[in-house]
PDB file of N, CA and C in Angstrom:
ATOM      1  N   UNK A   1       4.207 -17.055  -9.830  1.00  0.00           N
ATOM      2  CA  UNK A   1       3.768 -15.651 -10.503  1.00  0.00           C
ATOM      3  C   UNK A   1       2.349 -15.212  -9.997  1.00  0.00           C
ATOM      4  N   UNK A   2       1.423 -16.240  -9.881  1.00  0.00           N
ATOM      5  CA  UNK A   2       0.081 -15.729  -9.372  1.00  0.00           C
ATOM      6  C   UNK A   2       0.230 -15.047  -8.014  1.00  0.00           C
ATOM      7  N   UNK A   3       1.164 -15.374  -7.273  1.00  0.00           N
ATOM      8  CA  UNK A   3       1.198 -14.778  -5.772  1.00  0.00           C
ATOM      9  C   UNK A   3       1.760 -13.469  -5.959  1.00  0.00           C
ATOM     10  N   UNK A   4       2.364 -13.011  -6.965  1.00  0.00           N
ATOM     11  CA  UNK A   4       2.982 -11.685  -6.913  1.00  0.00           C
ATOM     12  C   UNK A   4       2.043 -10.552  -7.520  1.00  0.00           C
ATOM     13  N   UNK A   5       0.931 -11.026  -8.202  1.00  0.00           N
ATOM     14  CA  UNK A   5       0.005 -10.071  -8.811  1.00  0.00           C
ATOM     15  C   UNK A   5      -0.799  -9.252  -7.592  1.00  0.00           C
ATOM     16  N   UNK A   6      -1.341  -9.872  -6.574  1.00  0.00           N
ATOM     17  CA  UNK A   6      -2.018  -9.137  -5.585  1.00  0.00           C
ATOM     18  C   UNK A   6      -0.900  -8.148  -4.973  1.00  0.00           C
ATOM     19  N   UNK A   7       0.271  -8.533  -4.508  1.00  0.00           N
ATOM     20  CA  UNK A   7       1.155  -7.728  -4.101  1.00  0.00           C
ATOM     21  C   UNK A   7       1.523  -6.555  -4.867  1.00  0.00           C
ATOM     22  N   UNK A   8       1.646  -6.841  -6.280  1.00  0.00           N
ATOM     23  CA  UNK A   8       2.090  -5.597  -7.040  1.00  0.00           C
ATOM     24  C   UNK A   8       0.866  -4.722  -7.364  1.00  0.00           C
ATOM     25  N   UNK A   9      -0.461  -5.204  -7.149  1.00  0.00           N
ATOM     26  CA  UNK A   9      -1.629  -4.317  -7.253  1.00  0.00           C
ATOM     27  C   UNK A   9      -1.769  -3.570  -6.089  1.00  0.00           C
ATOM     28  N   UNK A  10      -1.612  -4.109  -4.730  1.00  0.00           N
ATOM     29  CA  UNK A  10      -1.561  -3.393  -3.484  1.00  0.00           C
ATOM     30  C   UNK A  10      -0.523  -2.220  -3.672  1.00  0.00           C
ATOM     31  N   UNK A  11       0.773  -2.818  -3.888  1.00  0.00           N
ATOM     32  CA  UNK A  11       1.786  -1.842  -3.838  1.00  0.00           C
ATOM     33  C   UNK A  11       1.480  -0.593  -4.936  1.00  0.00           C
ATOM     34  N   UNK A  12       1.025  -0.841  -6.013  1.00  0.00           N
ATOM     35  CA  UNK A  12       0.711   0.144  -6.991  1.00  0.00           C
ATOM     36  C   UNK A  12      -0.230   0.998  -6.482  1.00  0.00           C
ATOM     37  N   UNK A  13      -1.404   0.580  -5.938  1.00  0.00           N
ATOM     38  CA  UNK A  13      -2.585   1.259  -5.312  1.00  0.00           C
ATOM     39  C   UNK A  13      -2.123   2.269  -4.143  1.00  0.00           C
ATOM     40  N   UNK A  14      -1.287   1.463  -3.342  1.00  0.00           N
ATOM     41  CA  UNK A  14      -0.689   2.411  -2.252  1.00  0.00           C
ATOM     42  C   UNK A  14       0.307   3.517  -2.632  1.00  0.00           C
ATOM     43  N   UNK A  15       1.055   3.260  -3.808  1.00  0.00           N
ATOM     44  CA  UNK A  15       2.030   4.268  -4.119  1.00  0.00           C
ATOM     45  C   UNK A  15       1.145   5.349  -4.814  1.00  0.00           C
ATOM     46  N   UNK A  16       0.267   4.987  -5.698  1.00  0.00           N
ATOM     47  CA  UNK A  16      -0.617   5.932  -6.360  1.00  0.00           C
ATOM     48  C   UNK A  16      -1.421   6.975  -5.253  1.00  0.00           C
ATOM     49  N   UNK A  17      -1.962   6.382  -4.503  1.00  0.00           N
ATOM     50  CA  UNK A  17      -2.761   7.100  -3.495  1.00  0.00           C
ATOM     51  C   UNK A  17      -1.916   7.925  -2.734  1.00  0.00           C
ATOM     52  N   UNK A  18      -0.602   7.293  -2.436  1.00  0.00           N
ATOM     53  CA  UNK A  18       0.463   8.323  -1.471  1.00  0.00           C
ATOM     54  C   UNK A  18       0.948   9.327  -2.378  1.00  0.00           C
ATOM     55  N   UNK A  19       1.054   9.126  -3.612  1.00  0.00           N
ATOM     56  CA  UNK A  19       1.591  10.261  -4.665  1.00  0.00           C
ATOM     57  C   UNK A  19       0.457  11.388  -4.640  1.00  0.00           C
ATOM     58  N   UNK A  20      -0.799  10.978  -4.822  1.00  0.00           N
ATOM     59  CA  UNK A  20      -1.835  11.745  -4.822  1.00  0.00           C
ATOM     60  C   UNK A  20      -2.152  12.713  -3.723  1.00  0.00           C
ATOM     61  N   UNK A  21      -2.023  12.013  -2.475  1.00  0.00           N
ATOM     62  CA  UNK A  21      -2.154  12.568  -1.310  1.00  0.00           C
ATOM     63  C   UNK A  21      -0.878  13.629  -1.047  1.00  0.00           C
ATOM     64  N   UNK A  22       0.173  13.181  -1.482  1.00  0.00           N
ATOM     65  CA  UNK A  22       1.464  14.068  -1.272  1.00  0.00           C
ATOM     66  C   UNK A  22       1.289  15.306  -2.233  1.00  0.00           C
ATOM     67  N   UNK A  23       0.654  15.058  -3.358  1.00  0.00           N
ATOM     68  CA  UNK A  23       0.396  16.335  -4.374  1.00  0.00           C
ATOM     69  C   UNK A  23      -0.589  17.361  -3.648  1.00  0.00           C
ATOM     70  N   UNK A  24      -1.427  16.752  -2.922  1.00  0.00           N
ATOM     71  CA  UNK A  24      -2.573  17.557  -2.421  1.00  0.00           C
ATOM     72  C   UNK A  24      -1.813  18.284  -1.199  1.00  0.00           C
ATOM     73  N   UNK A  25      -0.906  17.512  -0.423  1.00  0.00           N
ATOM     74  CA  UNK A  25      -0.279  18.340   0.757  1.00  0.00           C
ATOM     75  C   UNK A  25       0.439  19.491   0.025  1.00  0.00           C
ATOM     76  N   UNK A  26       1.351  19.099  -0.935  1.00  0.00           N
ATOM     77  CA  UNK A  26       2.198  20.311  -1.604  1.00  0.00           C
ATOM     78  C   UNK A  26       1.400  21.464  -1.993  1.00  0.00           C
ATOM     79  N   UNK A  27       0.124  21.086  -2.565  1.00  0.00           N
ATOM     80  CA  UNK A  27      -0.771  22.145  -3.028  1.00  0.00           C
ATOM     81  C   UNK A  27      -1.543  22.895  -1.676  1.00  0.00           C
ATOM     82  N   UNK A  28      -1.320  22.281  -0.682  1.00  0.00           N
ATOM     83  CA  UNK A  28      -2.019  22.835   0.594  1.00  0.00           C
ATOM     84  C   UNK A  28      -3.367  22.756   0.709  1.00  0.00           C
ATOM     85  N   UNK A  29      -3.944  21.538   0.020  1.00  0.00           N
ATOM     86  CA  UNK A  29      -5.194  21.176   0.049  1.00  0.00           C
ATOM     87  C   UNK A  29      -5.530  20.180   1.019  1.00  0.00           C
ATOM     88  N   UNK A  30      -6.597  20.297   1.895  1.00  0.00           N
ATOM     89  CA  UNK A  30      -6.738  19.307   2.850  1.00  0.00           C
ATOM     90  C   UNK A  30      -7.303  17.985   2.265  1.00  0.00           C
ATOM     91  N   UNK A  31      -6.865  16.837   2.770  1.00  0.00           N
ATOM     92  CA  UNK A  31      -7.194  15.472   2.172  1.00  0.00           C
ATOM     93  C   UNK A  31      -8.373  14.970   2.971  1.00  0.00           C
ATOM     94  N   UNK A  32      -9.033  14.139   2.457  1.00  0.00           N
ATOM     95  CA  UNK A  32     -10.283  13.620   2.953  1.00  0.00           C
ATOM     96  C   UNK A  32      -9.713  12.341   3.825  1.00  0.00           C
ATOM     97  N   UNK A  33     -10.065  12.360   5.202  1.00  0.00           N
ATOM     98  CA  UNK A  33      -9.724  11.324   5.992  1.00  0.00           C
ATOM     99  C   UNK A  33      -9.784   9.917   5.550  1.00  0.00           C
ATOM    100  N   UNK A  34     -10.791   9.603   4.646  1.00  0.00           N
ATOM    101  CA  UNK A  34     -11.003   8.364   4.113  1.00  0.00           C
ATOM    102  C   UNK A  34      -9.949   7.906   3.110  1.00  0.00           C
ATOM    103  N   UNK A  35      -9.415   8.944   2.354  1.00  0.00           N
ATOM    104  CA  UNK A  35      -8.330   8.440   1.398  1.00  0.00           C
ATOM    105  C   UNK A  35      -7.051   8.245   2.264  1.00  0.00           C
ATOM    106  N   UNK A  36      -6.898   8.986   3.377  1.00  0.00           N
ATOM    107  CA  UNK A  36      -5.701   8.715   4.191  1.00  0.00           C
ATOM    108  C   UNK A  36      -5.873   7.339   4.715  1.00  0.00           C
ATOM    109  N   UNK A  37      -7.100   6.913   5.361  1.00  0.00           N
ATOM    110  CA  UNK A  37      -7.288   5.653   5.845  1.00  0.00           C
ATOM    111  C   UNK A  37      -7.038   4.384   4.890  1.00  0.00           C
ATOM    112  N   UNK A  38      -7.573   4.748   3.681  1.00  0.00           N
ATOM    113  CA  UNK A  38      -7.289   3.670   2.619  1.00  0.00           C
ATOM    114  C   UNK A  38      -5.738   3.471   2.250  1.00  0.00           C
ATOM    115  N   UNK A  39      -4.900   4.740   2.346  1.00  0.00           N
ATOM    116  CA  UNK A  39      -3.636   4.603   2.092  1.00  0.00           C
ATOM    117  C   UNK A  39      -2.960   3.741   3.212  1.00  0.00           C
ATOM    118  N   UNK A  40      -3.351   4.130   4.421  1.00  0.00           N
ATOM    119  CA  UNK A  40      -2.856   3.330   5.596  1.00  0.00           C
ATOM    120  C   UNK A  40      -3.226   1.810   5.526  1.00  0.00           C
ATOM    121  N   UNK A  41      -4.522   1.514   5.051  1.00  0.00           N
ATOM    122  CA  UNK A  41      -4.803   0.133   5.043  1.00  0.00           C
ATOM    123  C   UNK A  41      -4.125  -0.616   4.054  1.00  0.00           C
ATOM    124  N   UNK A  42      -3.862   0.043   2.759  1.00  0.00           N
ATOM    125  CA  UNK A  42      -3.106  -0.579   1.771  1.00  0.00           C
ATOM    126  C   UNK A  42      -1.513  -0.933   2.235  1.00  0.00           C
ATOM    127  N   UNK A  43      -1.071   0.075   3.049  1.00  0.00           N
ATOM    128  CA  UNK A  43       0.407  -0.119   3.636  1.00  0.00           C
ATOM    129  C   UNK A  43       0.330  -1.254   4.574  1.00  0.00           C
ATOM    130  N   UNK A  44      -0.482  -1.298   5.459  1.00  0.00           N
ATOM    131  CA  UNK A  44      -0.469  -2.281   6.436  1.00  0.00           C
ATOM    132  C   UNK A  44      -0.802  -3.688   5.803  1.00  0.00           C
ATOM    133  N   UNK A  45      -1.698  -3.840   4.850  1.00  0.00           N
ATOM    134  CA  UNK A  45      -1.981  -4.883   4.000  1.00  0.00           C
ATOM    135  C   UNK A  45      -0.801  -5.500   3.255  1.00  0.00           C
ATOM    136  N   UNK A  46      -0.131  -4.411   2.615  1.00  0.00           N
ATOM    137  CA  UNK A  46       1.321  -4.982   1.953  1.00  0.00           C
ATOM    138  C   UNK A  46       2.347  -5.361   2.847  1.00  0.00           C
ATOM    139  N   UNK A  47       2.381  -4.844   4.187  1.00  0.00           N
ATOM    140  CA  UNK A  47       3.366  -5.364   5.186  1.00  0.00           C
ATOM    141  C   UNK A  47       3.058  -6.630   5.609  1.00  0.00           C
ATOM    142  N   UNK A  48       1.803  -7.129   5.962  1.00  0.00           N
ATOM    143  CA  UNK A  48       1.259  -8.295   6.204  1.00  0.00           C
ATOM    144  C   UNK A  48       1.387  -9.317   5.001  1.00  0.00           C
ATOM    145  N   UNK A  49       1.163  -8.942   3.914  1.00  0.00           N
ATOM    146  CA  UNK A  49       1.641  -9.962   2.807  1.00  0.00           C
ATOM    147  C   UNK A  49       3.116 -10.205   2.637  1.00  0.00           C
ATOM    148  N   UNK A  50       3.911  -9.153   2.975  1.00  0.00           N
ATOM    149  CA  UNK A  50       5.191  -9.317   2.791  1.00  0.00           C
ATOM    150  C   UNK A  50       5.866 -10.228   3.863  1.00  0.00           C
ATOM    151  N   UNK A  51       5.287 -10.012   5.153  1.00  0.00           N
ATOM    152  CA  UNK A  51       5.745 -10.941   6.189  1.00  0.00           C
ATOM    153  C   UNK A  51       5.303 -12.381   5.947  1.00  0.00           C
ATOM    154  N   UNK A  52       4.140 -12.484   5.362  1.00  0.00           N
ATOM    155  CA  UNK A  52       3.770 -13.945   5.223  1.00  0.00           C
ATOM    156  C   UNK A  52       4.648 -14.497   4.145  1.00  0.00           C
ATOM    157  N   UNK A  53       4.847 -13.758   3.150  1.00  0.00           N
ATOM    158  CA  UNK A  53       5.894 -14.427   2.190  1.00  0.00           C
ATOM    159  C   UNK A  53       7.246 -14.596   2.733  1.00  0.00           C
ATOM    160  N   UNK A  54       7.817 -13.891   3.667  1.00  0.00           N
ATOM    161  CA  UNK A  54       9.128 -14.090   4.408  1.00  0.00           C
ATOM    162  C   UNK A  54       8.997 -15.288   5.033  1.00  0.00           C
ATOM    163  N   UNK A  55       7.918 -15.401   5.828  1.00  0.00           N
ATOM    164  CA  UNK A  55       7.818 -16.771   6.572  1.00  0.00           C
ATOM    165  C   UNK A  55       7.643 -17.889   5.950  1.00  0.00           C
ATOM    166  N   UNK A  56       7.091 -17.834   4.756  1.00  0.00           N
ATOM    167  CA  UNK A  56       6.779 -19.011   3.892  1.00  0.00           C
ATOM    168  C   UNK A  56       8.294 -19.377   3.059  1.00  0.00           C
ATOM    169  N   UNK A  57       8.942 -18.283   2.893  1.00  0.00           N
ATOM    170  CA  UNK A  57      10.253 -18.613   2.314  1.00  0.00           C
ATOM    171  C   UNK A  57      11.242 -19.346   3.323  1.00  0.00           C
ATOM    172  N   UNK A  58      11.135 -18.959   4.559  1.00  0.00           N
ATOM    173  CA  UNK A  58      11.859 -19.501   5.515  1.00  0.00           C
ATOM    174  C   UNK A  58      11.497 -21.054   5.708  1.00  0.00           C
ATOM    175  N   UNK A  59      10.245 -21.186   5.874  1.00  0.00           N
ATOM    176  CA  UNK A  59       9.842 -22.591   6.018  1.00  0.00           C
ATOM    177  C   UNK A  59      10.257 -23.385   4.947  1.00  0.00           C
ATOM    178  N   UNK A  60      10.294 -22.984   3.794  1.00  0.00           N
ATOM    179  CA  UNK A  60      10.894 -23.810   2.800  1.00  0.00           C
ATOM    180  C   UNK A  60      10.249 -24.272   1.785  1.00  0.00           C
TER     181      UNK A  60
END
């Protein structure tokens, strides 16, 4: 259970930031590059955590 909390928080933060950036895009407001960078970092971090979890599951 404790292993899923960081993954859930990272996923929630990335989704919330992505939705907010998408809303700004729809309103045709230019996004701050720092916000886009954080969104990409959250996404990459989530992928790394997911890959590590898959590797741990395969090892048994």
